[in-house]
Amino acid sequence: MANGHGGARIGAGRKKKPLADKLLEGNPGKRRPKVLEFKGPERAVSTEPPEYLSEYTRNAVSPSIEEIYRETAEWLESTGCLRLVNSGLIAQYAMLKTRWLECERVAATTIMFKETRDDGTFILIPNQICDLGMRYLKAADAIWDKIWNVVAQNCEHSLGGDNPNGDIMAELLKMDLE
């Protein structure tokens, strides 16, 4: 770039290879694979959501913040990476995903508004909740990418590339739209 605006960009360059792939290839570089290790006492991690999340549950949305938190934490526990992910990150993901599901529920019932003009004609106005929902989804995906990267870099067995966050359409179909 001109005028001295060069330099490395965030996220630029080759992506790190998952630990499971390195182990499967027999460690061709002959360097010890990097795994996160914590010094000091073991952190007590629970799959139960923190109490403050219940304050954010207003409507009877299914799945609730607590259910998404519990499901995500249990999945992380099954991969052996729960102790590596901050519980605040899981809570933030659960909250954003629930908010996105709420927006989708509203958008499914009222996608457009009709505004009548003085001359008797009308125009359709898109519901702004759709844009809000997309922002929640984008933020939830950014948080999920952080969680997924920790799992991919530190899980010793192959997950088969299956991202459990990938089947969003199935969750949309399970939603109660009443």
C-alpha atoms as a PDB file:
ATOM      1  CA  MET A   1       0.000   0.000   0.000  1.00  0.00           C
ATOM      2  CA  ALA A   2       1.101   3.550  -0.578  1.00  0.00           C
ATOM      3  CA  ASN A   3       2.045   6.089   2.069  1.00  0.00           C
ATOM      4  CA  GLY A   4       3.527   3.639   4.568  1.00  0.00           C
ATOM      5  CA  HIS A   5       0.343   1.706   5.336  1.00  0.00           C
ATOM      6  CA  GLY A   6       1.879  -1.691   4.770  1.00  0.00           C
ATOM      7  CA  GLY A   7       2.581  -4.503   7.137  1.00  0.00           C
ATOM      8  CA  ALA A   8       1.140  -7.815   8.116  1.00  0.00           C
ATOM      9  CA  ARG A   9      -2.619  -8.082   8.172  1.00  0.00           C
ATOM     10  CA  ILE A  10      -4.533  -9.843  10.917  1.00  0.00           C
ATOM     11  CA  GLY A  11      -5.449 -13.357   9.814  1.00  0.00           C
ATOM     12  CA  ALA A  12      -3.143 -13.219   6.788  1.00  0.00           C
ATOM     13  CA  GLY A  13      -0.916 -16.109   5.930  1.00  0.00           C
ATOM     14  CA  ARG A  14      -1.189 -19.843   6.023  1.00  0.00           C
ATOM     15  CA  LYS A  15      -3.569 -21.305   8.598  1.00  0.00           C
ATOM     16  CA  LYS A  16      -2.181 -23.561  11.310  1.00  0.00           C
ATOM     17  CA  LYS A  17      -2.655 -27.262  10.795  1.00  0.00           C
ATOM     18  CA  PRO A  18      -4.850 -28.970  13.422  1.00  0.00           C
ATOM     19  CA  LEU A  19      -3.012 -31.051  16.031  1.00  0.00           C
ATOM     20  CA  ALA A  20      -4.836 -34.239  14.982  1.00  0.00           C
ATOM     21  CA  ASP A  21      -3.553 -33.841  11.409  1.00  0.00           C
ATOM     22  CA  LYS A  22       0.002 -33.309  12.654  1.00  0.00           C
ATOM     23  CA  LEU A  23      -0.197 -36.476  14.746  1.00  0.00           C
ATOM     24  CA  LEU A  24      -1.725 -38.423  11.842  1.00  0.00           C
ATOM     25  CA  GLU A  25       1.145 -37.444   9.509  1.00  0.00           C
ATOM     26  CA  GLY A  26       3.711 -38.630  12.031  1.00  0.00           C
ATOM     27  CA  ASN A  27       5.077 -35.156  12.782  1.00  0.00           C
ATOM     28  CA  PRO A  28       7.145 -34.684   9.585  1.00  0.00           C
ATOM     29  CA  GLY A  29       8.918 -31.589  10.966  1.00  0.00           C
ATOM     30  CA  LYS A  30      10.166 -33.617  13.967  1.00  0.00           C
ATOM     31  CA  ARG A  31       9.259 -30.759  16.283  1.00  0.00           C
ATOM     32  CA  ARG A  32       7.107 -31.378  19.313  1.00  0.00           C
ATOM     33  CA  PRO A  33       3.508 -30.317  18.477  1.00  0.00           C
ATOM     34  CA  LYS A  34       2.438 -27.237  20.398  1.00  0.00           C
ATOM     35  CA  VAL A  35      -0.372 -27.949  22.868  1.00  0.00           C
ATOM     36  CA  LEU A  36      -1.753 -25.465  25.383  1.00  0.00           C
ATOM     37  CA  GLU A  37      -0.625 -26.294  28.885  1.00  0.00           C
ATOM     38  CA  PHE A  38      -1.445 -24.398  32.055  1.00  0.00           C
ATOM     39  CA  LYS A  39       0.911 -24.086  35.013  1.00  0.00           C
ATOM     40  CA  GLY A  40      -0.465 -24.156  38.522  1.00  0.00           C
ATOM     41  CA  PRO A  41      -3.690 -25.616  39.887  1.00  0.00           C
ATOM     42  CA  GLU A  42      -6.162 -27.207  37.485  1.00  0.00           C
ATOM     43  CA  ARG A  43      -9.036 -24.910  36.633  1.00  0.00           C
ATOM     44  CA  ALA A  44     -12.421 -26.196  37.762  1.00  0.00           C
ATOM     45  CA  VAL A  45     -14.662 -26.103  34.707  1.00  0.00           C
ATOM     46  CA  SER A  46     -18.348 -26.929  34.763  1.00  0.00           C
ATOM     47  CA  THR A  47     -20.773 -27.636  31.967  1.00  0.00           C
ATOM     48  CA  GLU A  48     -23.482 -25.822  33.926  1.00  0.00           C
ATOM     49  CA  PRO A  49     -24.122 -22.225  32.790  1.00  0.00           C
ATOM     50  CA  PRO A  50     -23.334 -19.337  35.145  1.00  0.00           C
ATOM     51  CA  GLU A  51     -26.267 -17.894  37.081  1.00  0.00           C
ATOM     52  CA  TYR A  52     -26.066 -14.482  35.425  1.00  0.00           C
ATOM     53  CA  LEU A  53     -27.206 -15.982  32.103  1.00  0.00           C
ATOM     54  CA  SER A  54     -30.681 -16.609  33.526  1.00  0.00           C
ATOM     55  CA  GLU A  55     -31.108 -12.828  33.887  1.00  0.00           C
ATOM     56  CA  TYR A  56     -30.931 -12.450  30.101  1.00  0.00           C
ATOM     57  CA  THR A  57     -33.695 -14.944  29.386  1.00  0.00           C
ATOM     58  CA  ARG A  58     -36.880 -12.967  28.841  1.00  0.00           C
ATOM     59  CA  ASN A  59     -39.031 -14.975  26.471  1.00  0.00           C
ATOM     60  CA  ALA A  60     -39.527 -18.683  26.358  1.00  0.00           C
ATOM     61  CA  VAL A  61     -37.196 -19.108  23.394  1.00  0.00           C
ATOM     62  CA  SER A  62     -36.166 -22.597  22.481  1.00  0.00           C
ATOM     63  CA  PRO A  63     -33.314 -23.348  22.777  1.00  0.00           C
ATOM     64  CA  SER A  64     -32.594 -21.075  25.730  1.00  0.00           C
ATOM     65  CA  ILE A  65     -29.258 -19.463  26.562  1.00  0.00           C
ATOM     66  CA  GLU A  66     -28.693 -22.090  29.238  1.00  0.00           C
ATOM     67  CA  GLU A  67     -29.418 -24.956  26.824  1.00  0.00           C
ATOM     68  CA  ILE A  68     -27.004 -23.599  24.207  1.00  0.00           C
ATOM     69  CA  TYR A  69     -24.340 -23.026  26.877  1.00  0.00           C
ATOM     70  CA  ARG A  70     -24.793 -26.557  28.249  1.00  0.00           C
ATOM     71  CA  GLU A  71     -24.766 -28.133  24.767  1.00  0.00           C
ATOM     72  CA  THR A  72     -21.603 -26.255  23.764  1.00  0.00           C
ATOM     73  CA  ALA A  73     -19.828 -27.022  27.053  1.00  0.00           C
ATOM     74  CA  GLU A  74     -20.734 -30.716  26.827  1.00  0.00           C
ATOM     75  CA  TRP A  75     -19.413 -30.866  23.266  1.00  0.00           C
ATOM     76  CA  LEU A  76     -16.176 -29.188  24.401  1.00  0.00           C
ATOM     77  CA  GLU A  77     -15.923 -31.665  27.266  1.00  0.00           C
ATOM     78  CA  SER A  78     -16.274 -34.577  24.820  1.00  0.00           C
ATOM     79  CA  THR A  79     -13.344 -33.201  22.808  1.00  0.00           C
ATOM     80  CA  GLY A  80     -11.238 -32.754  25.954  1.00  0.00           C
ATOM     81  CA  CYS A  81     -10.880 -29.013  25.339  1.00  0.00           C
ATOM     82  CA  LEU A  82     -13.376 -27.596  27.850  1.00  0.00           C
ATOM     83  CA  ARG A  83     -10.625 -26.558  30.253  1.00  0.00           C
ATOM     84  CA  LEU A  84      -8.914 -24.598  27.449  1.00  0.00           C
ATOM     85  CA  VAL A  85     -11.895 -22.372  26.590  1.00  0.00           C
ATOM     86  CA  ASN A  86     -12.903 -19.492  28.828  1.00  0.00           C
ATOM     87  CA  SER A  87     -16.434 -19.936  30.202  1.00  0.00           C
ATOM     88  CA  GLY A  88     -17.137 -16.269  29.391  1.00  0.00           C
ATOM     89  CA  LEU A  89     -16.527 -17.024  25.724  1.00  0.00           C
ATOM     90  CA  ILE A  90     -19.029 -19.887  25.833  1.00  0.00           C
ATOM     91  CA  ALA A  91     -21.556 -17.656  27.611  1.00  0.00           C
ATOM     92  CA  GLN A  92     -21.108 -14.899  25.043  1.00  0.00           C
ATOM     93  CA  TYR A  93     -21.599 -17.383  22.204  1.00  0.00           C
ATOM     94  CA  ALA A  94     -24.747 -18.776  23.820  1.00  0.00           C
ATOM     95  CA  MET A  95     -26.184 -15.295  24.345  1.00  0.00           C
ATOM     96  CA  LEU A  96     -25.497 -14.134  20.783  1.00  0.00           C
ATOM     97  CA  LYS A  97     -26.872 -17.310  19.256  1.00  0.00           C
ATOM     98  CA  THR A  98     -30.054 -17.060  21.333  1.00  0.00           C
ATOM     99  CA  ARG A  99     -30.522 -13.437  20.292  1.00  0.00           C
ATOM    100  CA  TRP A 100     -30.099 -14.465  16.657  1.00  0.00           C
ATOM    101  CA  LEU A 101     -32.734 -17.185  17.060  1.00  0.00           C
ATOM    102  CA  GLU A 102     -35.102 -14.616  18.613  1.00  0.00           C
ATOM    103  CA  CYS A 103     -34.608 -12.306  15.636  1.00  0.00           C
ATOM    104  CA  GLU A 104     -35.248 -15.172  13.211  1.00  0.00           C
ATOM    105  CA  ARG A 105     -38.434 -16.047  15.057  1.00  0.00           C
ATOM    106  CA  VAL A 106     -39.739 -12.476  14.726  1.00  0.00           C
ATOM    107  CA  ALA A 107     -38.573 -12.166  11.124  1.00  0.00           C
ATOM    108  CA  ALA A 108     -40.374 -15.387  10.186  1.00  0.00           C
ATOM    109  CA  THR A 109     -43.712 -13.886  11.216  1.00  0.00           C
ATOM    110  CA  THR A 110     -43.267 -10.298   9.988  1.00  0.00           C
ATOM    111  CA  ILE A 111     -40.739 -10.054   7.187  1.00  0.00           C
ATOM    112  CA  MET A 112     -42.239  -6.926   5.550  1.00  0.00           C
ATOM    113  CA  PHE A 113     -44.343  -3.996   6.658  1.00  0.00           C
ATOM    114  CA  LYS A 114     -46.844  -2.216   4.431  1.00  0.00           C
ATOM    115  CA  GLU A 115     -46.950   1.570   4.519  1.00  0.00           C
ATOM    116  CA  THR A 116     -49.862   3.304   2.802  1.00  0.00           C
ATOM    117  CA  ARG A 117     -49.123   6.646   1.168  1.00  0.00           C
ATOM    118  CA  ASP A 118     -51.477   9.632   0.918  1.00  0.00           C
ATOM    119  CA  ASP A 119     -52.353   8.848  -2.707  1.00  0.00           C
ATOM    120  CA  GLY A 120     -53.659   5.370  -1.782  1.00  0.00           C
ATOM    121  CA  THR A 121     -50.647   3.410  -3.005  1.00  0.00           C
ATOM    122  CA  PHE A 122     -48.473   1.461  -0.653  1.00  0.00           C
ATOM    123  CA  ILE A 123     -44.861   0.461  -0.359  1.00  0.00           C
ATOM    124  CA  LEU A 124     -43.284  -2.518   1.352  1.00  0.00           C
ATOM    125  CA  ILE A 125     -40.680  -1.802   4.013  1.00  0.00           C
ATOM    126  CA  PRO A 126     -38.334  -4.610   5.014  1.00  0.00           C
ATOM    127  CA  ASN A 127     -38.283  -5.448   8.718  1.00  0.00           C
ATOM    128  CA  GLN A 128     -35.114  -4.071  10.323  1.00  0.00           C
ATOM    129  CA  ILE A 129     -34.993  -7.052  12.662  1.00  0.00           C
ATOM    130  CA  CYS A 130     -33.505  -9.004   9.737  1.00  0.00           C
ATOM    131  CA  ASP A 131     -30.423  -6.763   9.741  1.00  0.00           C
ATOM    132  CA  LEU A 132     -30.169  -7.028  13.504  1.00  0.00           C
ATOM    133  CA  GLY A 133     -30.376 -10.814  13.259  1.00  0.00           C
ATOM    134  CA  MET A 134     -27.574 -10.888  10.702  1.00  0.00           C
ATOM    135  CA  ARG A 135     -25.371  -8.811  13.016  1.00  0.00           C
ATOM    136  CA  TYR A 136     -26.052 -11.243  15.893  1.00  0.00           C
ATOM    137  CA  LEU A 137     -25.287 -14.193  13.625  1.00  0.00           C
ATOM    138  CA  LYS A 138     -22.030 -12.607  12.442  1.00  0.00           C
ATOM    139  CA  ALA A 139     -20.949 -11.914  16.028  1.00  0.00           C
ATOM    140  CA  ALA A 140     -21.908 -15.451  17.142  1.00  0.00           C
ATOM    141  CA  ASP A 141     -19.915 -16.932  14.252  1.00  0.00           C
ATOM    142  CA  ALA A 142     -16.871 -14.821  15.196  1.00  0.00           C
ATOM    143  CA  ILE A 143     -17.023 -16.150  18.766  1.00  0.00           C
ATOM    144  CA  TRP A 144     -17.584 -19.703  17.509  1.00  0.00           C
ATOM    145  CA  ASP A 145     -14.498 -19.409  15.285  1.00  0.00           C
ATOM    146  CA  LYS A 146     -12.419 -18.605  18.378  1.00  0.00           C
ATOM    147  CA  ILE A 147     -13.808 -21.664  20.185  1.00  0.00           C
ATOM    148  CA  TRP A 148     -13.369 -23.882  17.121  1.00  0.00           C
ATOM    149  CA  ASN A 149      -9.755 -22.764  16.643  1.00  0.00           C
ATOM    150  CA  VAL A 150      -8.881 -23.762  20.219  1.00  0.00           C
ATOM    151  CA  VAL A 151     -10.433 -27.187  19.657  1.00  0.00           C
ATOM    152  CA  ALA A 152      -8.819 -27.696  16.246  1.00  0.00           C
ATOM    153  CA  GLN A 153      -5.367 -26.725  17.530  1.00  0.00           C
ATOM    154  CA  ASN A 154      -5.499 -28.813  20.706  1.00  0.00           C
ATOM    155  CA  CYS A 155      -7.689 -31.862  20.101  1.00  0.00           C
ATOM    156  CA  GLU A 156      -5.589 -34.988  19.653  1.00  0.00           C
ATOM    157  CA  HIS A 157      -8.245 -37.024  17.840  1.00  0.00           C
ATOM    158  CA  SER A 158      -9.669 -36.066  14.483  1.00  0.00           C
ATOM    159  CA  LEU A 159     -13.086 -34.426  14.499  1.00  0.00           C
ATOM    160  CA  GLY A 160     -13.497 -35.206  10.814  1.00  0.00           C
ATOM    161  CA  GLY A 161     -13.820 -31.529   9.961  1.00  0.00           C
ATOM    162  CA  ASP A 162     -17.371 -31.569  11.292  1.00  0.00           C
ATOM    163  CA  ASN A 163     -18.188 -28.259  12.856  1.00  0.00           C
ATOM    164  CA  PRO A 164     -21.205 -28.807  15.134  1.00  0.00           C
ATOM    165  CA  ASN A 165     -22.259 -25.227  14.494  1.00  0.00           C
ATOM    166  CA  GLY A 166     -22.670 -26.019  10.813  1.00  0.00           C
ATOM    167  CA  ASP A 167     -26.255 -27.301  10.833  1.00  0.00           C
ATOM    168  CA  ILE A 168     -28.037 -24.011  11.427  1.00  0.00           C
ATOM    169  CA  MET A 169     -30.950 -24.879   9.138  1.00  0.00           C
ATOM    170  CA  ALA A 170     -31.954 -27.811  11.331  1.00  0.00           C
ATOM    171  CA  GLU A 171     -32.224 -25.482  14.340  1.00  0.00           C
ATOM    172  CA  LEU A 172     -34.335 -23.042  12.351  1.00  0.00           C
ATOM    173  CA  LEU A 173     -36.724 -25.830  11.411  1.00  0.00           C
ATOM    174  CA  LYS A 174     -37.041 -26.927  15.053  1.00  0.00           C
ATOM    175  CA  MET A 175     -38.042 -23.437  16.239  1.00  0.00           C
ATOM    176  CA  ASP A 176     -41.530 -22.830  17.587  1.00  0.00           C
ATOM    177  CA  LEU A 177     -42.895 -19.925  15.521  1.00  0.00           C
ATOM    178  CA  GLU A 178     -46.031 -19.206  17.521  1.00  0.00           C
END
